[in-house]
Amino acid sequence: MEGISTLAEIRDLTKLSNTTIFRLVQNGQFPKFLRPLAARSYWRATEVEEWLRVHTNGGGDANDR
């Protein structure tokens, strides 16, 4: 994964719901999103990859955490 990721891509990668993703962001437990356009949220792919590495066994389903 390179560049930026959309919310849909983050959901697919983490298997987390929108609500859970934004709650984790708000609590400082998930990378903050970028908002270059008011209607969309984006994440730095490298930050999400690091989060997945730390919170899963190299990626996959983060719901088990």
PDB file of N, CA and C in Angstrom:
ATOM      1  N   MET A   1       0.848  -1.170   0.000  1.00  0.00           N
ATOM      2  CA  MET A   1       0.000   0.000   0.000  1.00  0.00           C
ATOM      3  C   MET A   1       0.897   1.238   0.000  1.00  0.00           C
ATOM      4  N   GLU A   2       0.615   2.179  -0.887  1.00  0.00           N
ATOM      5  CA  GLU A   2       1.384   3.409  -0.964  1.00  0.00           C
ATOM      6  C   GLU A   2       0.442   4.601  -1.043  1.00  0.00           C
ATOM      7  N   GLY A   3       0.937   5.769  -0.687  1.00  0.00           N
ATOM      8  CA  GLY A   3       0.152   6.985  -0.836  1.00  0.00           C
ATOM      9  C   GLY A   3      -0.865   7.162   0.256  1.00  0.00           C
ATOM     10  N   ILE A   4      -2.103   7.444  -0.151  1.00  0.00           N
ATOM     11  CA  ILE A   4      -3.172   7.655   0.809  1.00  0.00           C
ATOM     12  C   ILE A   4      -4.256   6.610   0.627  1.00  0.00           C
ATOM     13  N   SER A   5      -5.006   6.369   1.694  1.00  0.00           N
ATOM     14  CA  SER A   5      -6.067   5.363   1.674  1.00  0.00           C
ATOM     15  C   SER A   5      -7.396   6.009   2.032  1.00  0.00           C
ATOM     16  N   THR A   6      -8.447   5.551   1.390  1.00  0.00           N
ATOM     17  CA  THR A   6      -9.791   6.044   1.681  1.00  0.00           C
ATOM     18  C   THR A   6     -10.391   5.269   2.850  1.00  0.00           C
ATOM     19  N   LEU A   7     -11.489   5.779   3.378  1.00  0.00           N
ATOM     20  CA  LEU A   7     -12.178   5.094   4.465  1.00  0.00           C
ATOM     21  C   LEU A   7     -12.589   3.685   4.042  1.00  0.00           C
ATOM     22  N   ALA A   8     -13.070   3.529   2.826  1.00  0.00           N
ATOM     23  CA  ALA A   8     -13.462   2.200   2.344  1.00  0.00           C
ATOM     24  C   ALA A   8     -12.273   1.242   2.349  1.00  0.00           C
ATOM     25  N   GLU A   9     -11.110   1.726   1.938  1.00  0.00           N
ATOM     26  CA  GLU A   9      -9.908   0.879   1.945  1.00  0.00           C
ATOM     27  C   GLU A   9      -9.496   0.527   3.373  1.00  0.00           C
ATOM     28  N   ILE A  10      -9.611   1.489   4.279  1.00  0.00           N
ATOM     29  CA  ILE A  10      -9.274   1.240   5.682  1.00  0.00           C
ATOM     30  C   ILE A  10     -10.221   0.201   6.269  1.00  0.00           C
ATOM     31  N   ARG A  11     -11.517   0.317   5.974  1.00  0.00           N
ATOM     32  CA  ARG A  11     -12.491  -0.692   6.439  1.00  0.00           C
ATOM     33  C   ARG A  11     -12.123  -2.073   5.933  1.00  0.00           C
ATOM     34  N   ASP A  12     -11.773  -2.177   4.645  1.00  0.00           N
ATOM     35  CA  ASP A  12     -11.401  -3.470   4.062  1.00  0.00           C
ATOM     36  C   ASP A  12     -10.150  -4.039   4.714  1.00  0.00           C
ATOM     37  N   LEU A  13      -9.177  -3.195   4.976  1.00  0.00           N
ATOM     38  CA  LEU A  13      -7.921  -3.648   5.581  1.00  0.00           C
ATOM     39  C   LEU A  13      -8.085  -4.086   7.029  1.00  0.00           C
ATOM     40  N   THR A  14      -8.842  -3.301   7.789  1.00  0.00           N
ATOM     41  CA  THR A  14      -8.928  -3.546   9.238  1.00  0.00           C
ATOM     42  C   THR A  14     -10.123  -4.381   9.640  1.00  0.00           C
ATOM     43  N   LYS A  15     -11.136  -4.452   8.789  1.00  0.00           N
ATOM     44  CA  LYS A  15     -12.406  -5.117   9.097  1.00  0.00           C
ATOM     45  C   LYS A  15     -13.147  -4.410  10.226  1.00  0.00           C
ATOM     46  N   LEU A  16     -12.823  -3.125  10.447  1.00  0.00           N
ATOM     47  CA  LEU A  16     -13.481  -2.323  11.469  1.00  0.00           C
ATOM     48  C   LEU A  16     -14.581  -1.483  10.834  1.00  0.00           C
ATOM     49  N   SER A  17     -15.595  -1.124  11.617  1.00  0.00           N
ATOM     50  CA  SER A  17     -16.667  -0.265  11.120  1.00  0.00           C
ATOM     51  C   SER A  17     -16.197   1.190  11.085  1.00  0.00           C
ATOM     52  N   ASN A  18     -16.949   2.026  10.359  1.00  0.00           N
ATOM     53  CA  ASN A  18     -16.641   3.457  10.317  1.00  0.00           C
ATOM     54  C   ASN A  18     -16.618   4.031  11.730  1.00  0.00           C
ATOM     55  N   THR A  19     -17.634   3.687  12.517  1.00  0.00           N
ATOM     56  CA  THR A  19     -17.747   4.204  13.882  1.00  0.00           C
ATOM     57  C   THR A  19     -16.526   3.831  14.707  1.00  0.00           C
ATOM     58  N   THR A  20     -16.088   2.588  14.616  1.00  0.00           N
ATOM     59  CA  THR A  20     -14.928   2.144  15.384  1.00  0.00           C
ATOM     60  C   THR A  20     -13.668   2.857  14.933  1.00  0.00           C
ATOM     61  N   ILE A  21     -13.489   3.008  13.635  1.00  0.00           N
ATOM     62  CA  ILE A  21     -12.308   3.703  13.111  1.00  0.00           C
ATOM     63  C   ILE A  21     -12.251   5.122  13.649  1.00  0.00           C
ATOM     64  N   PHE A  22     -13.354   5.865  13.539  1.00  0.00           N
ATOM     65  CA  PHE A  22     -13.352   7.256  13.991  1.00  0.00           C
ATOM     66  C   PHE A  22     -13.239   7.361  15.509  1.00  0.00           C
ATOM     67  N   ARG A  23     -13.788   6.402  16.240  1.00  0.00           N
ATOM     68  CA  ARG A  23     -13.621   6.385  17.706  1.00  0.00           C
ATOM     69  C   ARG A  23     -12.157   6.168  18.072  1.00  0.00           C
ATOM     70  N   LEU A  24     -11.496   5.230  17.394  1.00  0.00           N
ATOM     71  CA  LEU A  24     -10.081   4.985  17.646  1.00  0.00           C
ATOM     72  C   LEU A  24      -9.235   6.220  17.313  1.00  0.00           C
ATOM     73  N   VAL A  25      -9.571   6.908  16.217  1.00  0.00           N
ATOM     74  CA  VAL A  25      -8.865   8.142  15.858  1.00  0.00           C
ATOM     75  C   VAL A  25      -9.046   9.174  16.974  1.00  0.00           C
ATOM     76  N   GLN A  26     -10.287   9.348  17.415  1.00  0.00           N
ATOM     77  CA  GLN A  26     -10.595  10.332  18.447  1.00  0.00           C
ATOM     78  C   GLN A  26      -9.853  10.031  19.749  1.00  0.00           C
ATOM     79  N   ASN A  27      -9.675   8.748  20.062  1.00  0.00           N
ATOM     80  CA  ASN A  27      -8.994   8.339  21.292  1.00  0.00           C
ATOM     81  C   ASN A  27      -7.477   8.250  21.124  1.00  0.00           C
ATOM     82  N   GLY A  28      -6.979   8.606  19.937  1.00  0.00           N
ATOM     83  CA  GLY A  28      -5.541   8.562  19.698  1.00  0.00           C
ATOM     84  C   GLY A  28      -4.995   7.157  19.528  1.00  0.00           C
ATOM     85  N   GLN A  29      -5.863   6.197  19.183  1.00  0.00           N
ATOM     86  CA  GLN A  29      -5.470   4.797  19.047  1.00  0.00           C
ATOM     87  C   GLN A  29      -5.367   4.340  17.601  1.00  0.00           C
ATOM     88  N   PHE A  30      -5.550   5.261  16.668  1.00  0.00           N
ATOM     89  CA  PHE A  30      -5.463   4.964  15.232  1.00  0.00           C
ATOM     90  C   PHE A  30      -4.930   6.220  14.566  1.00  0.00           C
ATOM     91  N   PRO A  31      -4.186   6.093  13.471  1.00  0.00           N
ATOM     92  CA  PRO A  31      -3.637   7.293  12.811  1.00  0.00           C
ATOM     93  C   PRO A  31      -4.728   8.314  12.474  1.00  0.00           C
ATOM     94  N   LYS A  32      -4.387   9.581  12.608  1.00  0.00           N
ATOM     95  CA  LYS A  32      -5.319  10.649  12.246  1.00  0.00           C
ATOM     96  C   LYS A  32      -5.504  10.678  10.739  1.00  0.00           C
ATOM     97  N   PHE A  33      -6.684  11.081  10.330  1.00  0.00           N
ATOM     98  CA  PHE A  33      -6.977  11.155   8.908  1.00  0.00           C
ATOM     99  C   PHE A  33      -6.664  12.544   8.366  1.00  0.00           C
ATOM    100  N   LEU A  34      -6.488  12.610   7.066  1.00  0.00           N
ATOM    101  CA  LEU A  34      -6.273  13.864   6.351  1.00  0.00           C
ATOM    102  C   LEU A  34      -7.612  14.274   5.759  1.00  0.00           C
ATOM    103  N   ARG A  35      -7.841  15.543   5.614  1.00  0.00           N
ATOM    104  CA  ARG A  35      -9.102  15.973   5.034  1.00  0.00           C
ATOM    105  C   ARG A  35      -8.868  17.083   4.012  1.00  0.00           C
ATOM    106  N   PRO A  36      -8.282  16.718   2.860  1.00  0.00           N
ATOM    107  CA  PRO A  36      -8.049  17.749   1.840  1.00  0.00           C
ATOM    108  C   PRO A  36      -9.349  18.256   1.226  1.00  0.00           C
ATOM    109  N   LEU A  37     -10.373  17.445   1.237  1.00  0.00           N
ATOM    110  CA  LEU A  37     -11.700  17.821   0.755  1.00  0.00           C
ATOM    111  C   LEU A  37     -12.677  17.627   1.904  1.00  0.00           C
ATOM    112  N   ALA A  38     -13.590  18.541   2.077  1.00  0.00           N
ATOM    113  CA  ALA A  38     -14.499  18.497   3.216  1.00  0.00           C
ATOM    114  C   ALA A  38     -15.346  17.226   3.267  1.00  0.00           C
ATOM    115  N   ALA A  39     -15.634  16.634   2.127  1.00  0.00           N
ATOM    116  CA  ALA A  39     -16.550  15.504   2.096  1.00  0.00           C
ATOM    117  C   ALA A  39     -15.868  14.146   2.263  1.00  0.00           C
ATOM    118  N   ARG A  40     -14.539  14.092   2.269  1.00  0.00           N
ATOM    119  CA  ARG A  40     -13.838  12.812   2.319  1.00  0.00           C
ATOM    120  C   ARG A  40     -12.734  12.825   3.350  1.00  0.00           C
ATOM    121  N   SER A  41     -12.437  11.638   3.862  1.00  0.00           N
ATOM    122  CA  SER A  41     -11.312  11.467   4.789  1.00  0.00           C
ATOM    123  C   SER A  41     -10.310  10.522   4.155  1.00  0.00           C
ATOM    124  N   TYR A  42      -9.028  10.789   4.368  1.00  0.00           N
ATOM    125  CA  TYR A  42      -7.961   9.956   3.833  1.00  0.00           C
ATOM    126  C   TYR A  42      -6.945   9.695   4.939  1.00  0.00           C
ATOM    127  N   TRP A  43      -6.211   8.600   4.815  1.00  0.00           N
ATOM    128  CA  TRP A  43      -5.157   8.254   5.761  1.00  0.00           C
ATOM    129  C   TRP A  43      -3.855   8.047   5.012  1.00  0.00           C
ATOM    130  N   ARG A  44      -2.744   8.353   5.674  1.00  0.00           N
ATOM    131  CA  ARG A  44      -1.430   8.024   5.111  1.00  0.00           C
ATOM    132  C   ARG A  44      -1.267   6.516   5.194  1.00  0.00           C
ATOM    133  N   ALA A  45      -1.034   5.908   4.070  1.00  0.00           N
ATOM    134  CA  ALA A  45      -0.946   4.446   3.998  1.00  0.00           C
ATOM    135  C   ALA A  45       0.135   3.902   4.922  1.00  0.00           C
ATOM    136  N   THR A  46       1.250   4.580   5.024  1.00  0.00           N
ATOM    137  CA  THR A  46       2.338   4.074   5.870  1.00  0.00           C
ATOM    138  C   THR A  46       1.937   4.048   7.342  1.00  0.00           C
ATOM    139  N   GLU A  47       1.136   5.041   7.776  1.00  0.00           N
ATOM    140  CA  GLU A  47       0.679   5.062   9.169  1.00  0.00           C
ATOM    141  C   GLU A  47      -0.296   3.929   9.442  1.00  0.00           C
ATOM    142  N   VAL A  48      -1.166   3.637   8.472  1.00  0.00           N
ATOM    143  CA  VAL A  48      -2.111   2.537   8.639  1.00  0.00           C
ATOM    144  C   VAL A  48      -1.377   1.201   8.639  1.00  0.00           C
ATOM    145  N   GLU A  49      -0.400   1.055   7.763  1.00  0.00           N
ATOM    146  CA  GLU A  49       0.397  -0.182   7.744  1.00  0.00           C
ATOM    147  C   GLU A  49       1.070  -0.409   9.091  1.00  0.00           C
ATOM    148  N   GLU A  50       1.610   0.646   9.672  1.00  0.00           N
ATOM    149  CA  GLU A  50       2.265   0.533  10.984  1.00  0.00           C
ATOM    150  C   GLU A  50       1.241   0.154  12.050  1.00  0.00           C
ATOM    151  N   TRP A  51       0.058   0.763  12.011  1.00  0.00           N
ATOM    152  CA  TRP A  51      -0.990   0.435  12.972  1.00  0.00           C
ATOM    153  C   TRP A  51      -1.362  -1.038  12.852  1.00  0.00           C
ATOM    154  N   LEU A  52      -1.540  -1.515  11.622  1.00  0.00           N
ATOM    155  CA  LEU A  52      -1.874  -2.922  11.401  1.00  0.00           C
ATOM    156  C   LEU A  52      -0.771  -3.837  11.936  1.00  0.00           C
ATOM    157  N   ARG A  53       0.482  -3.458  11.706  1.00  0.00           N
ATOM    158  CA  ARG A  53       1.597  -4.274  12.175  1.00  0.00           C
ATOM    159  C   ARG A  53       1.581  -4.383  13.695  1.00  0.00           C
ATOM    160  N   VAL A  54       1.301  -3.297  14.369  1.00  0.00           N
ATOM    161  CA  VAL A  54       1.309  -3.272  15.830  1.00  0.00           C
ATOM    162  C   VAL A  54       0.075  -3.961  16.424  1.00  0.00           C
ATOM    163  N   HIS A  55      -1.080  -3.786  15.806  1.00  0.00           N
ATOM    164  CA  HIS A  55      -2.336  -4.249  16.392  1.00  0.00           C
ATOM    165  C   HIS A  55      -2.833  -5.589  15.866  1.00  0.00           C
ATOM    166  N   THR A  56      -2.137  -6.153  14.917  1.00  0.00           N
ATOM    167  CA  THR A  56      -2.511  -7.478  14.400  1.00  0.00           C
ATOM    168  C   THR A  56      -1.230  -8.272  14.216  1.00  0.00           C
ATOM    169  N   ASN A  57      -1.374  -9.463  13.779  1.00  0.00           N
ATOM    170  CA  ASN A  57      -0.188 -10.294  13.489  1.00  0.00           C
ATOM    171  C   ASN A  57       0.225 -10.049  12.041  1.00  0.00           C
ATOM    172  N   GLY A  58       0.619  -8.822  11.732  1.00  0.00           N
ATOM    173  CA  GLY A  58       1.075  -8.486  10.390  1.00  0.00           C
ATOM    174  C   GLY A  58      -0.032  -8.050   9.461  1.00  0.00           C
ATOM    175  N   GLY A  59      -1.218  -7.840   9.976  1.00  0.00           N
ATOM    176  CA  GLY A  59      -2.346  -7.411   9.145  1.00  0.00           C
ATOM    177  C   GLY A  59      -3.516  -8.340   9.377  1.00  0.00           C
ATOM    178  N   GLY A  60      -4.550  -8.126   8.607  1.00  0.00           N
ATOM    179  CA  GLY A  60      -5.707  -8.994   8.720  1.00  0.00           C
ATOM    180  C   GLY A  60      -6.787  -8.397   9.593  1.00  0.00           C
ATOM    181  N   ASP A  61      -7.494  -9.228  10.308  1.00  0.00           N
ATOM    182  CA  ASP A  61      -8.675  -8.833  11.053  1.00  0.00           C
ATOM    183  C   ASP A  61      -8.305  -8.222  12.398  1.00  0.00           C
ATOM    184  N   ALA A  62      -8.522  -6.914  12.515  1.00  0.00           N
ATOM    185  CA  ALA A  62      -8.192  -6.192  13.753  1.00  0.00           C
ATOM    186  C   ALA A  62      -9.308  -6.298  14.783  1.00  0.00           C
ATOM    187  N   ASN A  63     -10.453  -6.904  14.441  1.00  0.00           N
ATOM    188  CA  ASN A  63     -11.536  -7.053  15.410  1.00  0.00           C
ATOM    189  C   ASN A  63     -11.166  -7.948  16.561  1.00  0.00           C
ATOM    190  N   ASP A  64     -10.149  -8.776  16.400  1.00  0.00           N
ATOM    191  CA  ASP A  64      -9.737  -9.682  17.461  1.00  0.00           C
ATOM    192  C   ASP A  64      -8.927  -8.969  18.532  1.00  0.00           C
ATOM    193  N   ARG A  65      -8.621  -7.723  18.352  1.00  0.00           N
ATOM    194  CA  ARG A  65      -7.774  -6.988  19.290  1.00  0.00           C
ATOM    195  C   ARG A  65      -8.587  -6.215  20.270  1.00  0.00           C
TER     196      ARG A  65
END
